[in-house]
C-alpha atoms as a PDB file:
ATOM      1  CA  UNK A   1     -12.640 -76.115 -30.195  1.00  0.00           C
ATOM      2  CA  UNK A   2     -15.849 -75.006 -28.471  1.00  0.00           C
ATOM      3  CA  UNK A   3     -14.555 -72.152 -26.380  1.00  0.00           C
ATOM      4  CA  UNK A   4     -17.981 -70.764 -25.593  1.00  0.00           C
ATOM      5  CA  UNK A   5     -19.275 -73.994 -24.053  1.00  0.00           C
ATOM      6  CA  UNK A   6     -19.106 -73.386 -20.342  1.00  0.00           C
ATOM      7  CA  UNK A   7     -17.664 -75.863 -17.889  1.00  0.00           C
ATOM      8  CA  UNK A   8     -20.508 -77.834 -16.368  1.00  0.00           C
ATOM      9  CA  UNK A   9     -18.624 -79.649 -13.609  1.00  0.00           C
ATOM     10  CA  UNK A  10     -19.292 -77.895 -10.328  1.00  0.00           C
ATOM     11  CA  UNK A  11     -19.468 -80.081  -7.202  1.00  0.00           C
ATOM     12  CA  UNK A  12     -21.542 -77.533  -5.280  1.00  0.00           C
ATOM     13  CA  UNK A  13     -24.160 -76.962  -7.977  1.00  0.00           C
ATOM     14  CA  UNK A  14     -24.684 -79.734 -10.535  1.00  0.00           C
ATOM     15  CA  UNK A  15     -25.841 -78.598 -13.974  1.00  0.00           C
ATOM     16  CA  UNK A  16     -29.495 -78.859 -14.838  1.00  0.00           C
ATOM     17  CA  UNK A  17     -30.799 -80.621 -17.930  1.00  0.00           C
ATOM     18  CA  UNK A  18     -31.192 -77.340 -19.844  1.00  0.00           C
ATOM     19  CA  UNK A  19     -27.511 -76.473 -19.343  1.00  0.00           C
ATOM     20  CA  UNK A  20     -26.423 -79.921 -20.499  1.00  0.00           C
ATOM     21  CA  UNK A  21     -28.723 -79.745 -23.520  1.00  0.00           C
ATOM     22  CA  UNK A  22     -27.400 -76.294 -24.465  1.00  0.00           C
ATOM     23  CA  UNK A  23     -23.799 -77.503 -24.301  1.00  0.00           C
ATOM     24  CA  UNK A  24     -24.645 -80.583 -26.393  1.00  0.00           C
ATOM     25  CA  UNK A  25     -26.445 -78.451 -28.969  1.00  0.00           C
ATOM     26  CA  UNK A  26     -23.520 -76.070 -29.229  1.00  0.00           C
ATOM     27  CA  UNK A  27     -21.085 -78.968 -29.640  1.00  0.00           C
ATOM     28  CA  UNK A  28     -23.171 -80.533 -32.428  1.00  0.00           C
ATOM     29  CA  UNK A  29     -23.465 -77.163 -34.175  1.00  0.00           C
ATOM     30  CA  UNK A  30     -19.711 -76.724 -34.047  1.00  0.00           C
ATOM     31  CA  UNK A  31     -18.883 -80.233 -35.250  1.00  0.00           C
ATOM     32  CA  UNK A  32     -21.537 -80.322 -37.990  1.00  0.00           C
ATOM     33  CA  UNK A  33     -21.034 -76.781 -39.218  1.00  0.00           C
ATOM     34  CA  UNK A  34     -24.797 -76.189 -39.116  1.00  0.00           C
ATOM     35  CA  UNK A  35     -26.411 -73.604 -36.901  1.00  0.00           C
ATOM     36  CA  UNK A  36     -29.773 -74.859 -38.092  1.00  0.00           C
ATOM     37  CA  UNK A  37     -29.759 -78.146 -40.001  1.00  0.00           C
ATOM     38  CA  UNK A  38     -31.779 -78.738 -43.141  1.00  0.00           C
ATOM     39  CA  UNK A  39     -34.973 -80.749 -42.930  1.00  0.00           C
ATOM     40  CA  UNK A  40     -33.056 -83.721 -44.382  1.00  0.00           C
ATOM     41  CA  UNK A  41     -30.496 -83.531 -41.551  1.00  0.00           C
ATOM     42  CA  UNK A  42     -32.773 -82.581 -38.650  1.00  0.00           C
ATOM     43  CA  UNK A  43     -33.290 -86.122 -37.317  1.00  0.00           C
ATOM     44  CA  UNK A  44     -29.559 -86.894 -37.334  1.00  0.00           C
ATOM     45  CA  UNK A  45     -28.824 -83.523 -35.707  1.00  0.00           C
ATOM     46  CA  UNK A  46     -31.419 -84.044 -32.951  1.00  0.00           C
ATOM     47  CA  UNK A  47     -30.246 -87.609 -32.309  1.00  0.00           C
ATOM     48  CA  UNK A  48     -26.648 -86.424 -31.943  1.00  0.00           C
ATOM     49  CA  UNK A  49     -27.684 -83.716 -29.468  1.00  0.00           C
ATOM     50  CA  UNK A  50     -29.622 -86.269 -27.411  1.00  0.00           C
ATOM     51  CA  UNK A  51     -26.747 -88.768 -27.401  1.00  0.00           C
ATOM     52  CA  UNK A  52     -24.198 -86.154 -26.380  1.00  0.00           C
ATOM     53  CA  UNK A  53     -26.466 -84.758 -23.672  1.00  0.00           C
ATOM     54  CA  UNK A  54     -26.961 -88.282 -22.301  1.00  0.00           C
ATOM     55  CA  UNK A  55     -23.248 -89.041 -22.373  1.00  0.00           C
ATOM     56  CA  UNK A  56     -22.531 -85.728 -20.659  1.00  0.00           C
ATOM     57  CA  UNK A  57     -25.061 -86.439 -17.900  1.00  0.00           C
ATOM     58  CA  UNK A  58     -23.575 -89.919 -17.329  1.00  0.00           C
ATOM     59  CA  UNK A  59     -20.061 -88.484 -17.226  1.00  0.00           C
ATOM     60  CA  UNK A  60     -20.952 -85.790 -14.706  1.00  0.00           C
ATOM     61  CA  UNK A  61     -22.961 -88.214 -12.575  1.00  0.00           C
ATOM     62  CA  UNK A  62     -20.021 -90.642 -12.388  1.00  0.00           C
ATOM     63  CA  UNK A  63     -17.110 -88.270 -11.810  1.00  0.00           C
ATOM     64  CA  UNK A  64     -15.456 -88.642  -8.443  1.00  0.00           C
ATOM     65  CA  UNK A  65     -14.472 -85.373  -6.820  1.00  0.00           C
ATOM     66  CA  UNK A  66     -11.424 -85.424  -4.575  1.00  0.00           C
ATOM     67  CA  UNK A  67     -12.456 -85.466  -0.969  1.00  0.00           C
ATOM     68  CA  UNK A  68     -15.857 -86.928  -1.819  1.00  0.00           C
ATOM     69  CA  UNK A  69     -15.983 -90.714  -2.140  1.00  0.00           C
END
């Protein structure tokens, strides 16, 4: 689906907030079909980006890498 979103999981160098935000933004753009949402949809668009970025951060923070417990 989102082929240009880069893989963020890297045990030696965790992603920074900007990388997570960029991936979340790209995902929301792809799913919504909007590159830039209308004024009427901006709040929903921004909220979705924030929720996805938060979920992504929690996921990456909680993944267990083999050999690291």
